[in-house]
Protein backbone atom coordinates (compact mmCIF):
# COMPACT_ATOMS: atom_id res chain seq x y z
CA UNK A 1 -160.58 -112.21 36.79
CA UNK A 2 -158.43 -112.20 33.64
CA UNK A 3 -161.43 -113.02 31.41
CA UNK A 4 -163.41 -110.18 33.02
CA UNK A 5 -160.56 -107.73 32.38
CA UNK A 6 -160.26 -108.85 28.76
CA UNK A 7 -163.98 -108.36 28.25
CA UNK A 8 -163.77 -104.90 29.78
CA UNK A 9 -160.86 -103.92 27.54
CA UNK A 10 -162.64 -105.29 24.46
CA UNK A 11 -165.77 -103.31 25.35
CA UNK A 12 -163.74 -100.08 25.72
CA UNK A 13 -162.06 -100.62 22.35
CA UNK A 14 -165.41 -101.32 20.69
CA UNK A 15 -166.97 -98.20 22.18
CA UNK A 16 -164.05 -96.02 21.09
CA UNK A 17 -164.15 -97.50 17.59
CA UNK A 18 -167.88 -96.85 17.26
CA UNK A 19 -167.95 -93.47 19.04
CA UNK A 20 -168.87 -91.53 15.87
CA UNK A 21 -171.94 -93.76 15.51
CA UNK A 22 -173.19 -93.04 19.02
CA UNK A 23 -175.81 -90.63 20.27
CA UNK A 24 -175.30 -87.56 22.42
CA UNK A 25 -177.66 -87.22 25.38
CA UNK A 26 -181.17 -85.83 24.99
CA UNK A 27 -181.34 -84.86 28.66
CA UNK A 28 -179.06 -84.18 31.62
CA UNK A 29 -179.86 -84.33 35.32
CA UNK A 30 -177.50 -81.55 36.45
CA UNK A 31 -177.92 -81.47 40.21
CA UNK A 32 -177.79 -81.23 43.08
CA UNK A 33 -175.47 -83.47 45.12
CA UNK A 34 -177.59 -85.39 47.69
CA UNK A 35 -180.73 -84.09 46.06
CA UNK A 36 -182.11 -87.45 44.92
CA UNK A 37 -180.46 -87.62 41.49
CA UNK A 38 -179.54 -91.31 41.81
CA UNK A 39 -183.11 -92.30 42.64
CA UNK A 40 -184.59 -90.13 39.89
CA UNK A 41 -182.21 -91.45 37.24
CA UNK A 42 -182.90 -95.07 38.17
CA UNK A 43 -186.64 -94.37 38.00
CA UNK A 44 -186.32 -92.67 34.61
CA UNK A 45 -184.36 -95.43 32.90
CA UNK A 46 -187.14 -97.93 33.67
CA UNK A 47 -189.10 -96.31 30.84
CA UNK A 48 -188.97 -98.46 27.68
CA UNK A 49 -188.14 -95.37 25.62
CA UNK A 50 -185.06 -94.37 27.64
CA UNK A 51 -181.69 -96.09 27.25
CA UNK A 52 -179.22 -95.55 30.07
CA UNK A 53 -175.74 -94.13 29.59
CA UNK A 54 -172.82 -96.46 30.32
CA UNK A 55 -172.80 -95.07 33.86
CA UNK A 56 -175.08 -92.61 35.62
CA UNK A 57 -172.43 -89.93 36.29
CA UNK A 58 -170.16 -89.29 33.31
CA UNK A 59 -168.72 -86.02 34.69
CA UNK A 60 -167.63 -84.84 31.25
CA UNK A 61 -168.52 -81.16 31.49
CA UNK A 62 -167.03 -80.56 34.94
CA UNK A 63 -164.04 -82.91 34.94
CA UNK A 64 -160.60 -81.40 35.46
CA UNK A 65 -159.48 -83.16 32.27
CA UNK A 66 -162.37 -81.70 30.21
CA UNK A 67 -160.08 -79.92 27.73
CA UNK A 68 -158.10 -83.08 27.03
CA UNK A 69 -161.18 -85.26 26.52
CA UNK A 70 -162.87 -84.91 23.14
CA UNK A 71 -166.49 -85.41 22.19
CA UNK A 72 -165.65 -88.90 20.94
CA UNK A 73 -164.75 -89.89 24.51
CA UNK A 74 -168.11 -88.56 25.71
CA UNK A 75 -170.02 -90.41 22.98
CA UNK A 76 -168.56 -93.75 24.10
CA UNK A 77 -170.90 -93.58 27.10
CA UNK A 78 -174.09 -93.60 25.03
CA UNK A 79 -175.96 -96.07 22.80
CA UNK A 80 -175.45 -96.53 19.10
CA UNK A 81 -177.69 -94.48 16.83
CA UNK A 82 -179.21 -97.54 15.16
CA UNK A 83 -180.58 -98.58 18.56
CA UNK A 84 -182.55 -95.35 18.63
CA UNK A 85 -184.33 -95.33 15.25
CA UNK A 86 -187.05 -95.66 14.17
CA UNK A 87 -188.95 -95.34 17.48
CA UNK A 88 -188.45 -92.27 19.65
CA UNK A 89 -186.01 -93.42 22.30
CA UNK A 90 -183.96 -91.05 24.45
CA UNK A 91 -180.71 -91.28 26.35
CA UNK A 92 -179.19 -89.16 29.06
CA UNK A 93 -176.93 -89.01 32.08
CA UNK A 94 -176.99 -87.55 35.59
CA UNK A 95 -173.92 -85.77 36.99
CA UNK A 96 -175.10 -83.66 39.96
CA UNK A 97 -171.82 -81.76 40.21
CA UNK A 98 -172.56 -80.01 36.88
CA UNK A 99 -174.89 -77.51 38.53
CA UNK A 100 -172.35 -75.52 40.53
CA UNK A 101 -169.55 -75.71 37.97
CA UNK A 102 -169.03 -72.15 36.66
CA UNK A 103 -168.07 -73.39 33.19
CA UNK A 104 -170.78 -76.04 33.02
CA UNK A 105 -173.52 -74.00 31.27
CA UNK A 106 -171.17 -72.74 28.53
CA UNK A 107 -169.70 -76.19 27.93
CA UNK A 108 -173.07 -77.95 27.82
CA UNK A 109 -174.65 -75.31 25.59
CA UNK A 110 -171.74 -75.43 23.13
CA UNK A 111 -172.24 -79.16 22.55
CA UNK A 112 -175.92 -79.69 23.46
CA UNK A 113 -177.81 -76.42 22.86
CA UNK A 114 -181.21 -78.14 22.70
CA UNK A 115 -180.78 -80.63 25.53
CA UNK A 116 -183.33 -80.84 28.33
CA UNK A 117 -182.04 -80.10 31.83
CA UNK A 118 -183.50 -81.54 35.03
CA UNK A 119 -182.57 -79.95 38.36
CA UNK A 120 -183.49 -81.26 41.81
CA UNK A 121 -183.24 -78.73 44.63
CA UNK A 122 -183.26 -79.89 48.25
CA UNK A 123 -183.64 -77.89 51.46
CA UNK A 124 -180.05 -76.62 51.80
CA UNK A 125 -179.80 -77.52 55.50
CA UNK A 126 -180.90 -81.11 54.90
CA UNK A 127 -178.68 -81.31 51.83
CA UNK A 128 -175.60 -80.13 53.72
CA UNK A 129 -176.14 -82.57 56.59
CA UNK A 130 -176.77 -85.48 54.22
CA UNK A 131 -173.63 -84.60 52.23
CA UNK A 132 -171.51 -84.41 55.39
CA UNK A 133 -172.93 -87.69 56.72
CA UNK A 134 -172.21 -89.46 53.43
CA UNK A 135 -168.61 -88.23 53.37
CA UNK A 136 -168.11 -89.15 57.02
CA UNK A 137 -169.44 -92.66 56.39
CA UNK A 138 -167.13 -93.07 53.37
CA UNK A 139 -164.11 -91.94 55.40
CA UNK A 140 -164.90 -94.53 58.06
CA UNK A 141 -165.18 -97.27 55.43
CA UNK A 142 -161.74 -96.36 54.10
CA UNK A 143 -160.21 -96.25 57.59
CA UNK A 144 -159.45 -92.53 57.39
CA UNK A 145 -159.30 -90.08 60.25
CA UNK A 146 -162.64 -88.93 61.67
CA UNK A 147 -163.58 -85.47 60.31
CA UNK A 148 -164.47 -82.51 62.55
CA UNK A 149 -168.08 -82.33 63.65
CA UNK A 150 -170.77 -81.05 61.30
CA UNK A 151 -171.27 -78.02 63.56
CA UNK A 152 -167.58 -77.13 63.50
CA UNK A 153 -167.31 -77.43 59.73
CA UNK A 154 -170.45 -75.51 58.74
CA UNK A 155 -169.81 -72.71 61.25
CA UNK A 156 -166.37 -72.24 59.74
CA UNK A 157 -167.83 -72.32 56.24
CA UNK A 158 -170.54 -69.78 57.08
CA UNK A 159 -167.90 -67.41 58.48
CA UNK A 160 -165.81 -67.68 55.31
CA UNK A 161 -168.81 -67.17 53.05
CA UNK A 162 -170.08 -64.16 54.99
CA UNK A 163 -166.69 -62.53 54.53
CA UNK A 164 -166.02 -63.42 50.90
CA UNK A 165 -169.40 -63.36 49.17
CA UNK A 166 -170.38 -59.90 47.91
CA UNK A 167 -174.11 -59.06 47.75
CA UNK A 168 -174.39 -59.14 43.96
CA UNK A 169 -174.43 -62.37 41.91
CA UNK A 170 -171.29 -63.01 39.90
CA UNK A 171 -169.58 -66.14 38.63
CA UNK A 172 -167.25 -65.79 41.62
CA UNK A 173 -170.16 -66.88 43.79
CA UNK A 174 -169.94 -70.30 42.21
CA UNK A 175 -166.49 -70.92 43.66
CA UNK A 176 -167.11 -73.09 46.73
CA UNK A 177 -164.11 -71.51 48.52
CA UNK A 178 -163.45 -74.82 50.24
CA UNK A 179 -166.97 -74.61 51.69
CA UNK A 180 -168.70 -77.46 49.90
CA UNK A 181 -171.41 -78.19 52.46
CA UNK A 182 -172.79 -74.67 52.85
CA UNK A 183 -171.87 -73.17 49.49
CA UNK A 184 -173.52 -76.05 47.63
CA UNK A 185 -176.86 -75.05 49.16
CA UNK A 186 -176.74 -71.52 47.71
CA UNK A 187 -178.61 -72.23 44.50
CA UNK A 188 -179.73 -68.92 43.06
CA UNK A 189 -176.45 -67.78 41.49
CA UNK A 190 -175.76 -71.11 39.81
CA UNK A 191 -179.31 -71.22 38.49
CA UNK A 192 -178.92 -67.73 37.05
CA UNK A 193 -175.74 -68.87 35.37
CA UNK A 194 -177.54 -71.79 33.67
CA UNK A 195 -180.51 -69.68 32.62
CA UNK A 196 -178.20 -67.28 30.84
CA UNK A 197 -177.54 -70.12 28.38
CA UNK A 198 -180.78 -72.13 28.42
CA UNK A 199 -184.39 -71.04 28.09
CA UNK A 200 -186.54 -71.83 31.09
CA UNK A 201 -188.73 -74.06 28.90
CA UNK A 202 -185.75 -76.44 28.58
CA UNK A 203 -185.11 -76.56 32.33
CA UNK A 204 -187.29 -78.53 34.76
CA UNK A 205 -186.77 -77.48 38.39
CA UNK A 206 -188.02 -80.02 40.92
CA UNK A 207 -188.26 -80.05 44.70
CA UNK A 208 -186.35 -83.03 46.08
CA UNK A 209 -188.88 -83.54 48.87
CA UNK A 210 -191.61 -84.00 46.27
CA UNK A 211 -189.56 -86.80 44.72
CA UNK A 212 -189.05 -88.43 48.14
CA UNK A 213 -192.76 -88.17 48.99
CA UNK A 214 -194.35 -88.97 45.61
CA UNK A 215 -191.70 -90.58 43.36
CA UNK A 216 -194.09 -91.88 40.70
CA UNK A 217 -195.81 -88.51 40.31
CA UNK A 218 -192.51 -86.62 39.96
CA UNK A 219 -190.97 -89.20 37.62
CA UNK A 220 -193.99 -88.91 35.32
CA UNK A 221 -193.64 -85.14 35.49
CA UNK A 222 -190.17 -85.60 34.01
CA UNK A 223 -191.54 -87.92 31.33
CA UNK A 224 -194.00 -85.21 30.30
CA UNK A 225 -191.14 -82.71 30.19
CA UNK A 226 -189.27 -85.11 27.88
CA UNK A 227 -192.41 -85.58 25.74
CA UNK A 228 -192.65 -89.25 26.61
CA UNK A 229 -195.80 -91.20 27.52
CA UNK A 230 -196.47 -91.90 31.17
CA UNK A 231 -195.05 -95.06 32.69
CA UNK A 232 -195.41 -96.84 36.02
CA UNK A 233 -192.28 -98.51 37.41
CA UNK A 234 -190.91 -99.46 40.81
CA UNK A 235 -189.72 -96.77 43.19
CA UNK A 236 -187.13 -98.06 45.64
CA UNK A 237 -185.09 -95.46 47.53
CA UNK A 238 -181.38 -95.26 46.66
CA UNK A 239 -178.52 -93.84 48.74
CA UNK A 240 -180.83 -92.98 51.64
CA UNK A 241 -179.29 -92.37 55.04
CA UNK A 242 -180.51 -92.26 58.63
CA UNK A 243 -179.00 -89.49 60.75
CA UNK A 244 -179.31 -87.97 64.20
CA UNK A 245 -181.15 -84.64 64.31
CA UNK A 246 -179.21 -81.42 63.91
CA UNK A 247 -178.79 -79.41 67.11
CA UNK A 248 -181.55 -76.79 67.26
CA UNK A 249 -179.13 -73.90 67.83
CA UNK A 250 -177.08 -74.89 64.80
CA UNK A 251 -180.24 -75.39 62.77
CA UNK A 252 -181.31 -71.83 63.62
CA UNK A 253 -177.89 -70.48 62.54
CA UNK A 254 -178.09 -72.31 59.22
CA UNK A 255 -181.69 -71.21 58.75
CA UNK A 256 -180.73 -67.54 59.15
CA UNK A 257 -177.70 -67.93 56.88
CA UNK A 258 -179.63 -69.51 54.00
CA UNK A 259 -182.75 -67.36 54.39
CA UNK A 260 -181.74 -64.41 52.14
CA UNK A 261 -180.36 -66.73 49.46
CA UNK A 262 -183.55 -68.80 49.53
CA UNK A 263 -185.65 -65.65 49.20
CA UNK A 264 -183.69 -64.64 46.09
CA UNK A 265 -184.14 -68.13 44.68
CA UNK A 266 -187.89 -68.18 45.32
CA UNK A 267 -188.29 -64.77 43.70
CA UNK A 268 -186.17 -65.78 40.72
CA UNK A 269 -188.00 -69.10 40.21
CA UNK A 270 -191.43 -67.74 41.00
CA UNK A 271 -191.83 -70.65 43.40
CA UNK A 272 -191.55 -70.89 47.18
CA UNK A 273 -190.12 -74.25 48.28
CA UNK A 274 -191.03 -73.56 51.91
CA UNK A 275 -187.49 -73.63 53.28
CA UNK A 276 -187.86 -70.28 55.04
CA UNK A 277 -190.67 -71.55 57.27
CA UNK A 278 -189.25 -73.01 60.45
CA UNK A 279 -190.93 -76.11 61.80
CA UNK A 280 -192.45 -75.77 65.24
């Protein structure tokens, strides 16, 4: 235990000492939570021309201590420059909470104006239920009190959001208002915020279900976006959960709530993800 701690401390000192010699990321996977970012990142770093960050989620641009952490701290999470040259090797990280952070686009653009952004968008109903189920499971593991039911929480959140969200997109829309499960599935306003800073050619928007159904195809789509040659790896599923079905009445309520936001998203993206078609 003591040897392990000493090695960890020595590694941190070495990384801090060499921070100025380290790369900044070439790409960021910016969202969304429970959208498949862990699986996609693990698939991507199998490529021989991608070196992983120290950890998948660095949370630099959205962390509450952002202003007290300098760029040197961020660089410690990435490989040394001499590991990159002369061949074209990339590095990047995946922090899904970046997407909804209102200051995220400005912060990222100020440091990484040419970085490539990858965004996974999942059916907001499925995303909300998966997010709730994950948090409930984690609470049980830690011996914490059982949360209210999914139905109780999302009905309360929908009521708050109906009251407090005006019809026009502003940065205020990005404030989750304590409504993380429902608000996190309203994508259009956050996407508009990012595309005010980044050209669409530097942003790859993916459908999470496509990644779940055809992981190799979608991963190679990202490689093309990053101007890397195609590569075939292994495609295990990470952080998957098995849940009971959502009550049909609640599903209908969520469907109607998200419908106008989805329509705005589809129009803005020029792509229909099919979320406004109810299954029979």
